[in-house]
Amino acid sequence: MIEITETVLEAEKNLAGIFAGIDKTAFINQKKVLTAFRQHKISDTHFNYSTGYGYNDKGRDALDLVWADVFESEAAFVRSNIVSGTHAITIGLFGLLRPGDVMLSVTGRPYDTLTGVIGLKKDTGDIGSLRDFGIIYEEIGLKNNKLDFCSAAEYIKTNKNIKTVFVQKSRGYCDRAALSSHEIGELVRLVKQIDPEIYVVADNCYGEFAEEHEPGFYGADMVIGSLIKNPGGGIAECGGYIAGTKKAVGLAAHRLTSPLVGTEAGASLGATKNIFKGLFFAPHVVAQSLKTACLAAYIYSSLGFEVSPKHDEKRFDIIQSIKFFDEHKMLRFIQGVQAGSAIDSHILPVPDDMPGYDCKVVMASGSFTQGSSIEISADAPVKPPYIAFLQGGLSYESGKLCIMKTLETVLC
């Protein structure tokens, strides 16, 4: 049995240089956020409550402008009534795609919850998926954990109906590395050289503020995410966003509400202040999450478990995977995360069936906001090789204490 406190102190000593690099990135992103706030003269008048149609909601409109600047894009919209990242991606895809168009995923099969959106499961019936609207889905897998540019180029050149190229920045439940915004930028350049009319759509969930630049900086037409992940800073209690080119964001806006209305209506109902505040805190909170992930990687690797990314590898999202090769130890880790959380620490997570997943899933989420994965959380599909996916940590101190609790449960 290891001495947990000494193990953590030793890890922190060796991680000092890496933590300094994370702080540097946080500073750059915090400056970006502050600059946008100042540029658009954000004041308490932008936090006012609007109702009904929400016409002339100055806070909502200012938030969209700030978001576009922070996410290095031409335009953006942020709304509290977007229920999840999957919902935001759905709005974006239905905004861009028309019957007969092809959606090409270049990161293999997307995250499980998108299978219903795309219509990949033949037994789901007529549920309004992209397939139901005559949209064709194709995919290309990664090659050596990287985008397969050659296969993508060949496919795009020989298939004239491709309208969107979809790329998932984070790993989801796949045993692969996250992609950098720069690599997504290389994809954008490749696609636009072949056909400038093809949209490149990036699922940015878990990746926001992990790097100095977002995919929009490199020209992605649409960058999509959830507010209860990184950009909400643990303060925004719901919502999602779409950022990108004016044309792409405009098309998505017509699906958000209705044609000719777009982003001109939609009452904020008092949500704007928490979204602004969450964005303000987000660079710092993401840094806390990254430090928590590095600590977990260092310690669990030293104990002989396979981790990805390793503690000293470049990180492009907040997710840390730990491969246990043992169902019991994986479950004990998930249960340790729950026991180390602030909320519902007394609850024992157990595997269960979940909509959209092909196996039982076990989840730990002791969060103030239901499902908030920027707060400390972990989940795992219950199947070999028994990989747990850890993410979040509003503060490094609480994240460290949670990792220490997992050591108690896994090693007992």
Protein backbone atom coordinates (compact mmCIF):
# COMPACT_ATOMS: atom_id res chain seq x y z
CA MET A 1 0.00 0.00 0.00
CA ILE A 2 1.50 3.33 -1.05
CA GLU A 3 1.67 6.36 1.22
CA ILE A 4 -0.77 8.57 -0.67
CA THR A 5 0.24 12.00 0.60
CA GLU A 6 3.95 11.42 -0.08
CA THR A 7 3.14 10.03 -3.54
CA VAL A 8 1.15 13.14 -4.45
CA LEU A 9 3.82 15.52 -3.14
CA GLU A 10 6.47 13.73 -5.16
CA ALA A 11 4.27 13.91 -8.27
CA GLU A 12 3.68 17.63 -7.81
CA LYS A 13 7.40 18.24 -7.49
CA ASN A 14 8.01 16.57 -10.83
CA LEU A 15 5.03 18.28 -12.47
CA ALA A 16 6.06 21.84 -11.55
CA GLY A 17 7.38 22.70 -15.01
CA ILE A 18 4.33 21.26 -16.73
CA PHE A 19 2.00 23.17 -14.41
CA ALA A 20 3.86 26.37 -15.28
CA GLY A 21 3.19 25.73 -18.98
CA ILE A 22 -0.51 25.23 -18.26
CA ASP A 23 -0.59 28.52 -16.36
CA LYS A 24 1.01 30.28 -19.33
CA THR A 25 -1.72 29.05 -21.66
CA ALA A 26 -4.38 30.10 -19.15
CA PHE A 27 -2.88 33.60 -19.02
CA ILE A 28 -2.99 33.93 -22.81
CA ASN A 29 -6.61 32.80 -22.93
CA GLN A 30 -7.60 34.99 -19.98
CA LYS A 31 -6.16 37.99 -21.79
CA LYS A 32 -8.20 37.04 -24.85
CA VAL A 33 -11.41 36.95 -22.77
CA LEU A 34 -10.69 40.24 -21.00
CA THR A 35 -9.87 41.96 -24.28
CA ALA A 36 -13.22 40.88 -25.74
CA PHE A 37 -15.12 42.06 -22.66
CA ARG A 38 -13.44 45.46 -22.86
CA GLN A 39 -13.78 45.74 -26.63
CA HIS A 40 -17.55 45.31 -26.41
CA LYS A 41 -17.91 47.44 -23.27
CA ILE A 42 -19.66 44.79 -21.20
CA SER A 43 -21.53 46.27 -18.24
CA ASP A 44 -24.28 45.24 -15.82
CA THR A 45 -26.88 46.42 -18.35
CA HIS A 46 -25.95 43.36 -20.38
CA PHE A 47 -27.17 41.14 -17.53
CA ASN A 48 -30.76 42.41 -17.71
CA TYR A 49 -33.64 39.95 -17.89
CA SER A 50 -35.58 39.71 -21.16
CA THR A 51 -38.81 37.79 -21.81
CA GLY A 52 -41.18 36.90 -24.62
CA TYR A 53 -39.67 37.22 -28.04
CA GLY A 54 -36.52 38.76 -26.59
CA TYR A 55 -36.19 41.37 -29.30
CA ASN A 56 -33.38 43.89 -28.71
CA ASP A 57 -31.83 41.78 -25.96
CA LYS A 58 -28.55 43.70 -25.67
CA GLY A 59 -26.94 41.16 -23.36
CA ARG A 60 -27.64 38.25 -25.69
CA ASP A 61 -26.34 40.15 -28.72
CA ALA A 62 -23.22 41.36 -26.87
CA LEU A 63 -22.51 37.84 -25.65
CA ASP A 64 -22.57 36.58 -29.23
CA LEU A 65 -20.04 39.23 -30.24
CA VAL A 66 -17.76 38.49 -27.29
CA TRP A 67 -17.97 34.77 -27.97
CA ALA A 68 -17.00 35.21 -31.61
CA ASP A 69 -13.93 37.22 -30.61
CA VAL A 70 -12.83 34.79 -27.90
CA PHE A 71 -13.31 31.81 -30.21
CA GLU A 72 -11.44 33.58 -32.99
CA SER A 73 -14.34 33.35 -35.43
CA GLU A 74 -16.36 35.71 -37.61
CA ALA A 75 -19.64 35.07 -35.81
CA ALA A 76 -21.19 33.06 -32.98
CA PHE A 77 -24.33 32.48 -30.99
CA VAL A 78 -24.65 31.23 -27.43
CA ARG A 79 -27.97 30.11 -25.98
CA SER A 80 -29.04 28.67 -22.65
CA ASN A 81 -31.85 26.68 -24.29
CA ILE A 82 -29.39 24.49 -26.19
CA VAL A 83 -29.69 21.43 -23.98
CA SER A 84 -26.34 19.73 -24.68
CA GLY A 85 -23.34 19.56 -26.94
CA THR A 86 -25.17 16.95 -29.01
CA HIS A 87 -28.07 19.36 -29.44
CA ALA A 88 -25.69 22.13 -30.56
CA ILE A 89 -24.06 19.79 -33.11
CA THR A 90 -27.52 18.77 -34.32
CA ILE A 91 -28.46 22.41 -34.91
CA GLY A 92 -25.23 22.96 -36.82
CA LEU A 93 -25.48 19.89 -39.03
CA PHE A 94 -29.14 20.41 -39.90
CA GLY A 95 -28.31 24.02 -40.72
CA LEU A 96 -25.65 23.05 -43.26
CA LEU A 97 -26.88 19.81 -44.80
CA ARG A 98 -29.61 19.25 -47.40
CA PRO A 99 -31.15 16.05 -48.87
CA GLY A 100 -28.59 14.25 -51.02
CA ASP A 101 -25.62 15.87 -49.31
CA VAL A 102 -22.82 13.79 -47.82
CA MET A 103 -21.44 14.27 -44.31
CA LEU A 104 -17.92 12.87 -44.07
CA SER A 105 -16.46 12.20 -40.62
CA VAL A 106 -12.66 12.09 -40.73
CA THR A 107 -12.25 10.97 -37.11
CA GLY A 108 -14.12 7.70 -37.50
CA ARG A 109 -17.39 7.02 -35.74
CA PRO A 110 -18.46 10.09 -33.73
CA TYR A 111 -19.31 10.08 -30.04
CA ASP A 112 -22.11 7.62 -29.20
CA THR A 113 -24.86 10.19 -28.66
CA LEU A 114 -24.53 11.37 -32.28
CA THR A 115 -25.48 7.99 -33.71
CA GLY A 116 -29.17 8.83 -33.38
CA VAL A 117 -28.65 12.26 -34.93
CA ILE A 118 -26.91 10.78 -37.94
CA GLY A 119 -29.21 7.75 -38.15
CA LEU A 120 -26.56 5.07 -37.86
CA LYS A 121 -28.79 2.61 -36.03
CA LYS A 122 -31.15 1.00 -38.52
CA ASP A 123 -33.71 -0.01 -35.88
CA THR A 124 -34.43 3.49 -34.57
CA GLY A 125 -37.21 4.10 -37.07
CA ASP A 126 -38.27 7.44 -38.48
CA ILE A 127 -37.02 9.74 -35.72
CA GLY A 128 -35.96 12.75 -37.78
CA SER A 129 -32.29 11.82 -38.13
CA LEU A 130 -30.08 13.11 -40.92
CA ARG A 131 -30.58 9.78 -42.68
CA ASP A 132 -34.35 10.27 -42.54
CA PHE A 133 -33.87 13.53 -44.44
CA GLY A 134 -31.85 11.82 -47.17
CA ILE A 135 -28.43 12.91 -45.94
CA ILE A 136 -25.67 10.37 -46.48
CA TYR A 137 -23.05 9.62 -43.84
CA GLU A 138 -19.54 8.35 -44.56
CA GLU A 139 -16.49 8.03 -42.37
CA ILE A 140 -12.71 7.68 -42.51
CA GLY A 141 -10.76 6.46 -39.51
CA LEU A 142 -7.62 7.94 -38.04
CA LYS A 143 -4.23 6.63 -39.09
CA ASN A 144 -1.67 6.19 -36.33
CA ASN A 145 -3.77 8.43 -34.08
CA LYS A 146 -3.64 11.25 -36.66
CA LEU A 147 -5.95 12.51 -39.36
CA ASP A 148 -5.53 10.50 -42.55
CA PHE A 149 -5.09 13.42 -44.94
CA CYS A 150 -4.36 11.26 -47.97
CA SER A 151 -7.53 9.17 -47.64
CA ALA A 152 -9.59 12.27 -46.88
CA ALA A 153 -8.28 14.10 -49.94
CA GLU A 154 -8.90 11.13 -52.21
CA TYR A 155 -12.43 10.67 -50.87
CA ILE A 156 -13.33 14.35 -51.25
CA LYS A 157 -11.97 14.51 -54.80
CA THR A 158 -14.01 11.50 -55.91
CA ASN A 159 -17.29 12.31 -54.12
CA LYS A 160 -18.87 15.50 -55.43
CA ASN A 161 -21.80 15.58 -52.99
CA ILE A 162 -19.76 16.13 -49.83
CA LYS A 163 -21.10 19.22 -48.07
CA THR A 164 -19.54 18.91 -44.61
CA VAL A 165 -16.36 17.38 -43.26
CA PHE A 166 -16.85 16.60 -39.58
CA VAL A 167 -13.96 16.34 -37.11
CA GLN A 168 -14.17 15.44 -33.42
CA LYS A 169 -11.40 17.12 -31.45
CA SER A 170 -11.69 15.00 -28.31
CA ARG A 171 -11.49 11.24 -28.00
CA GLY A 172 -14.98 10.43 -26.78
CA TYR A 173 -14.90 6.79 -25.68
CA CYS A 174 -12.20 5.93 -28.22
CA ASP A 175 -8.70 4.87 -27.28
CA ARG A 176 -7.01 7.64 -29.21
CA ALA A 177 -5.42 11.03 -28.62
CA ALA A 178 -7.21 14.34 -28.91
CA LEU A 179 -6.47 16.47 -31.97
CA SER A 180 -4.81 19.85 -31.82
CA SER A 181 -6.48 22.94 -33.24
CA HIS A 182 -3.47 23.24 -35.56
CA GLU A 183 -4.08 19.76 -36.96
CA ILE A 184 -7.72 20.69 -37.55
CA GLY A 185 -6.38 23.78 -39.33
CA GLU A 186 -4.35 21.55 -41.65
CA LEU A 187 -7.56 19.69 -42.46
CA VAL A 188 -9.31 23.00 -43.22
CA ARG A 189 -6.57 23.99 -45.66
CA LEU A 190 -6.71 20.62 -47.38
CA VAL A 191 -10.49 20.68 -47.77
CA LYS A 192 -10.63 24.28 -48.99
CA GLN A 193 -7.93 23.63 -51.59
CA ILE A 194 -10.08 20.87 -53.07
CA ASP A 195 -13.46 22.59 -52.73
CA PRO A 196 -13.90 25.94 -50.93
CA GLU A 197 -17.67 25.33 -50.65
CA ILE A 198 -17.29 22.36 -48.28
CA TYR A 199 -17.86 23.22 -44.62
CA VAL A 200 -15.44 21.94 -41.98
CA VAL A 201 -17.33 21.34 -38.72
CA ALA A 202 -15.40 20.79 -35.47
CA ASP A 203 -16.89 19.21 -32.36
CA ASN A 204 -14.89 21.24 -29.84
CA CYS A 205 -16.32 19.68 -26.67
CA TYR A 206 -13.70 19.30 -23.89
CA GLY A 207 -11.12 21.19 -25.97
CA GLU A 208 -11.87 24.84 -25.23
CA PHE A 209 -8.98 26.82 -23.71
CA ALA A 210 -6.71 23.78 -23.49
CA GLU A 211 -4.57 25.46 -26.15
CA GLU A 212 -3.71 29.03 -27.08
CA HIS A 213 -5.99 28.94 -30.13
CA GLU A 214 -9.38 27.45 -31.00
CA PRO A 215 -10.18 25.73 -34.34
CA GLY A 216 -11.83 28.94 -35.56
CA PHE A 217 -8.42 30.62 -35.56
CA TYR A 218 -7.38 28.14 -38.25
CA GLY A 219 -10.47 28.66 -40.39
CA ALA A 220 -12.97 26.03 -39.25
CA ASP A 221 -16.41 26.97 -40.61
CA MET A 222 -18.21 25.79 -37.50
CA VAL A 223 -16.93 25.14 -33.98
CA ILE A 224 -19.43 23.67 -31.54
CA GLY A 225 -19.55 22.96 -27.82
CA SER A 226 -21.46 22.81 -24.55
CA LEU A 227 -21.52 25.37 -21.74
CA ILE A 228 -21.50 22.72 -19.01
CA LYS A 229 -18.08 21.70 -20.26
CA ASN A 230 -15.03 23.96 -20.53
CA PRO A 231 -16.41 27.34 -21.67
CA GLY A 232 -19.05 27.59 -18.94
CA GLY A 233 -16.34 27.66 -16.29
CA GLY A 234 -18.48 25.63 -13.89
CA ILE A 235 -20.85 28.60 -13.55
CA ALA A 236 -23.10 28.44 -16.63
CA GLU A 237 -25.78 25.92 -15.71
CA CYS A 238 -26.89 24.95 -19.22
CA GLY A 239 -26.48 25.90 -22.85
CA GLY A 240 -24.32 25.52 -25.91
CA TYR A 241 -22.65 27.54 -28.63
CA ILE A 242 -21.80 27.61 -32.31
CA ALA A 243 -18.99 29.80 -33.64
CA GLY A 244 -17.47 30.06 -37.09
CA THR A 245 -17.85 31.85 -40.39
CA LYS A 246 -20.77 34.26 -40.83
CA LYS A 247 -22.30 32.09 -43.54
CA ALA A 248 -22.16 28.83 -41.58
CA VAL A 249 -23.28 30.36 -38.28
CA GLY A 250 -26.09 32.16 -40.10
CA LEU A 251 -27.39 28.90 -41.58
CA ALA A 252 -27.29 27.27 -38.15
CA ALA A 253 -29.14 30.26 -36.66
CA HIS A 254 -32.08 29.60 -38.99
CA ARG A 255 -32.32 26.11 -37.50
CA LEU A 256 -31.90 27.44 -33.96
CA THR A 257 -35.15 29.41 -34.29
CA SER A 258 -36.70 29.74 -37.76
CA PRO A 259 -35.78 31.13 -41.19
CA LEU A 260 -35.59 34.94 -41.29
CA VAL A 261 -35.60 35.08 -37.47
CA GLY A 262 -32.24 33.47 -36.70
CA THR A 263 -30.53 35.12 -33.74
CA GLU A 264 -32.77 38.20 -33.74
CA ALA A 265 -35.12 36.70 -31.15
CA GLY A 266 -34.94 34.49 -28.09
CA ALA A 267 -35.34 35.75 -24.56
CA SER A 268 -32.33 35.35 -22.28
CA LEU A 269 -34.54 34.85 -19.18
CA GLY A 270 -31.73 36.03 -16.92
CA ALA A 271 -29.15 33.46 -18.04
CA THR A 272 -26.75 35.93 -19.64
CA LYS A 273 -24.90 36.94 -16.46
CA ASN A 274 -23.89 33.39 -15.54
CA ILE A 275 -22.73 32.69 -19.09
CA PHE A 276 -20.60 35.85 -19.13
CA LYS A 277 -19.22 35.01 -15.70
CA GLY A 278 -18.55 31.40 -16.68
CA LEU A 279 -16.66 32.51 -19.78
CA PHE A 280 -14.61 34.89 -17.62
CA PHE A 281 -13.57 32.05 -15.29
CA ALA A 282 -13.18 29.40 -17.99
CA PRO A 283 -9.46 29.78 -18.84
CA HIS A 284 -8.54 29.43 -15.16
CA VAL A 285 -10.94 26.55 -14.52
CA VAL A 286 -9.70 24.66 -17.57
CA ALA A 287 -6.15 25.07 -16.26
CA GLN A 288 -7.24 23.54 -12.95
CA SER A 289 -8.74 20.61 -14.84
CA LEU A 290 -5.59 20.10 -16.88
CA LYS A 291 -3.45 20.05 -13.74
CA THR A 292 -5.79 17.50 -12.17
CA ALA A 293 -5.50 15.33 -15.30
CA CYS A 294 -1.69 15.59 -15.27
CA LEU A 295 -1.57 14.54 -11.64
CA ALA A 296 -3.78 11.52 -12.33
CA ALA A 297 -1.64 10.56 -15.32
CA TYR A 298 1.61 10.80 -13.37
CA ILE A 299 0.41 8.81 -10.37
CA TYR A 300 -1.50 6.07 -12.19
CA SER A 301 1.32 5.61 -14.69
CA SER A 302 3.77 5.22 -11.80
CA LEU A 303 1.49 2.49 -10.44
CA GLY A 304 1.76 0.55 -13.70
CA PHE A 305 -1.50 1.54 -15.38
CA GLU A 306 -1.60 2.66 -19.02
CA VAL A 307 -2.58 6.32 -19.32
CA SER A 308 -3.30 8.66 -22.22
CA PRO A 309 -2.04 11.27 -22.55
CA LYS A 310 1.06 10.74 -20.44
CA HIS A 311 1.78 13.41 -17.86
CA ASP A 312 4.41 15.09 -20.02
CA GLU A 313 2.57 14.92 -23.35
CA LYS A 314 0.97 17.95 -24.97
CA ARG A 315 -2.72 18.21 -24.10
CA PHE A 316 -5.44 19.37 -26.44
CA ASP A 317 -8.44 18.62 -24.22
CA ILE A 318 -9.17 18.01 -20.54
CA ILE A 319 -9.81 14.25 -20.76
CA GLN A 320 -7.49 11.76 -19.09
CA SER A 321 -7.93 8.08 -19.86
CA ILE A 322 -6.68 5.30 -17.60
CA LYS A 323 -6.67 1.77 -18.92
CA PHE A 324 -7.21 -0.74 -16.12
CA PHE A 325 -7.62 -4.06 -18.00
CA ASP A 326 -9.71 -5.04 -14.97
CA GLU A 327 -13.42 -4.35 -14.51
CA HIS A 328 -13.29 -4.30 -10.73
CA LYS A 329 -10.45 -1.77 -10.52
CA MET A 330 -12.10 0.43 -13.14
CA LEU A 331 -15.36 0.43 -11.19
CA ARG A 332 -13.51 1.19 -7.97
CA PHE A 333 -11.84 4.17 -9.67
CA ILE A 334 -15.19 5.55 -10.85
CA GLN A 335 -16.62 5.02 -7.38
CA GLY A 336 -13.60 6.77 -5.88
CA VAL A 337 -14.24 9.83 -8.05
CA GLN A 338 -17.82 9.93 -6.79
CA ALA A 339 -16.69 9.52 -3.18
CA GLY A 340 -14.17 12.33 -3.64
CA SER A 341 -16.74 14.78 -5.04
CA ALA A 342 -18.46 17.63 -3.23
CA ILE A 343 -22.01 16.61 -4.15
CA ASP A 344 -23.55 13.13 -3.75
CA SER A 345 -20.33 11.71 -2.35
CA HIS A 346 -22.43 9.09 -0.54
CA ILE A 347 -23.80 7.65 -3.80
CA LEU A 348 -22.27 4.45 -5.19
CA PRO A 349 -22.17 4.50 -9.03
CA VAL A 350 -23.03 1.19 -10.71
CA PRO A 351 -23.13 0.22 -14.40
CA ASP A 352 -26.42 0.70 -16.21
CA ASP A 353 -27.89 0.92 -19.69
CA MET A 354 -27.93 4.41 -21.19
CA PRO A 355 -29.63 5.67 -24.38
CA GLY A 356 -27.22 5.94 -27.31
CA TYR A 357 -24.58 3.57 -25.92
CA ASP A 358 -23.88 0.01 -27.06
CA CYS A 359 -22.97 -1.33 -23.60
CA LYS A 360 -23.54 -0.57 -19.95
CA VAL A 361 -21.91 2.65 -18.76
CA VAL A 362 -20.83 3.69 -15.27
CA MET A 363 -20.59 7.39 -14.44
CA ALA A 364 -19.41 9.49 -11.51
CA SER A 365 -20.52 13.10 -11.35
CA GLY A 366 -20.63 14.85 -8.01
CA SER A 367 -21.41 18.18 -9.58
CA PHE A 368 -23.36 21.29 -8.61
CA THR A 369 -24.83 21.30 -12.15
CA GLN A 370 -26.25 18.01 -13.37
CA GLY A 371 -23.94 16.43 -15.94
CA SER A 372 -21.34 19.18 -15.71
CA SER A 373 -18.13 17.52 -16.85
CA ILE A 374 -15.94 20.56 -16.19
CA GLU A 375 -16.57 19.73 -12.56
CA ILE A 376 -14.75 16.58 -11.50
CA SER A 377 -16.34 13.59 -13.19
CA ALA A 378 -15.49 10.25 -14.72
CA ASP A 379 -17.24 7.67 -16.84
CA ALA A 380 -16.49 4.39 -18.51
CA PRO A 381 -18.09 1.93 -20.92
CA VAL A 382 -18.12 -1.40 -19.13
CA LYS A 383 -16.23 -3.48 -21.67
CA PRO A 384 -12.62 -4.49 -22.28
CA PRO A 385 -10.02 -3.03 -22.02
CA TYR A 386 -11.89 -1.21 -19.21
CA ILE A 387 -10.87 2.39 -19.77
CA ALA A 388 -11.99 5.12 -17.39
CA PHE A 389 -12.23 8.67 -18.71
CA LEU A 390 -11.58 11.38 -16.14
CA GLN A 391 -12.32 15.04 -16.77
CA GLY A 392 -12.74 18.30 -14.93
CA GLY A 393 -11.90 19.84 -11.60
CA LEU A 394 -13.11 23.33 -10.71
CA SER A 395 -10.04 23.79 -8.55
CA TYR A 396 -6.79 21.87 -8.57
CA GLU A 397 -7.00 21.44 -4.80
CA SER A 398 -10.36 19.66 -5.01
CA GLY A 399 -9.15 17.67 -8.00
CA LYS A 400 -6.09 16.54 -6.07
CA LEU A 401 -8.20 15.43 -3.13
CA CYS A 402 -10.44 13.50 -5.50
CA ILE A 403 -7.46 11.69 -7.05
CA MET A 404 -6.26 10.82 -3.56
CA LYS A 405 -9.67 9.31 -2.80
CA THR A 406 -9.49 7.15 -5.94
CA LEU A 407 -6.16 5.80 -4.76
CA GLU A 408 -7.84 4.68 -1.56
CA THR A 409 -10.60 2.84 -3.44
CA VAL A 410 -8.50 1.32 -6.22
CA LEU A 411 -5.64 0.14 -4.05
CA CYS A 412 -7.61 -1.05 -1.04
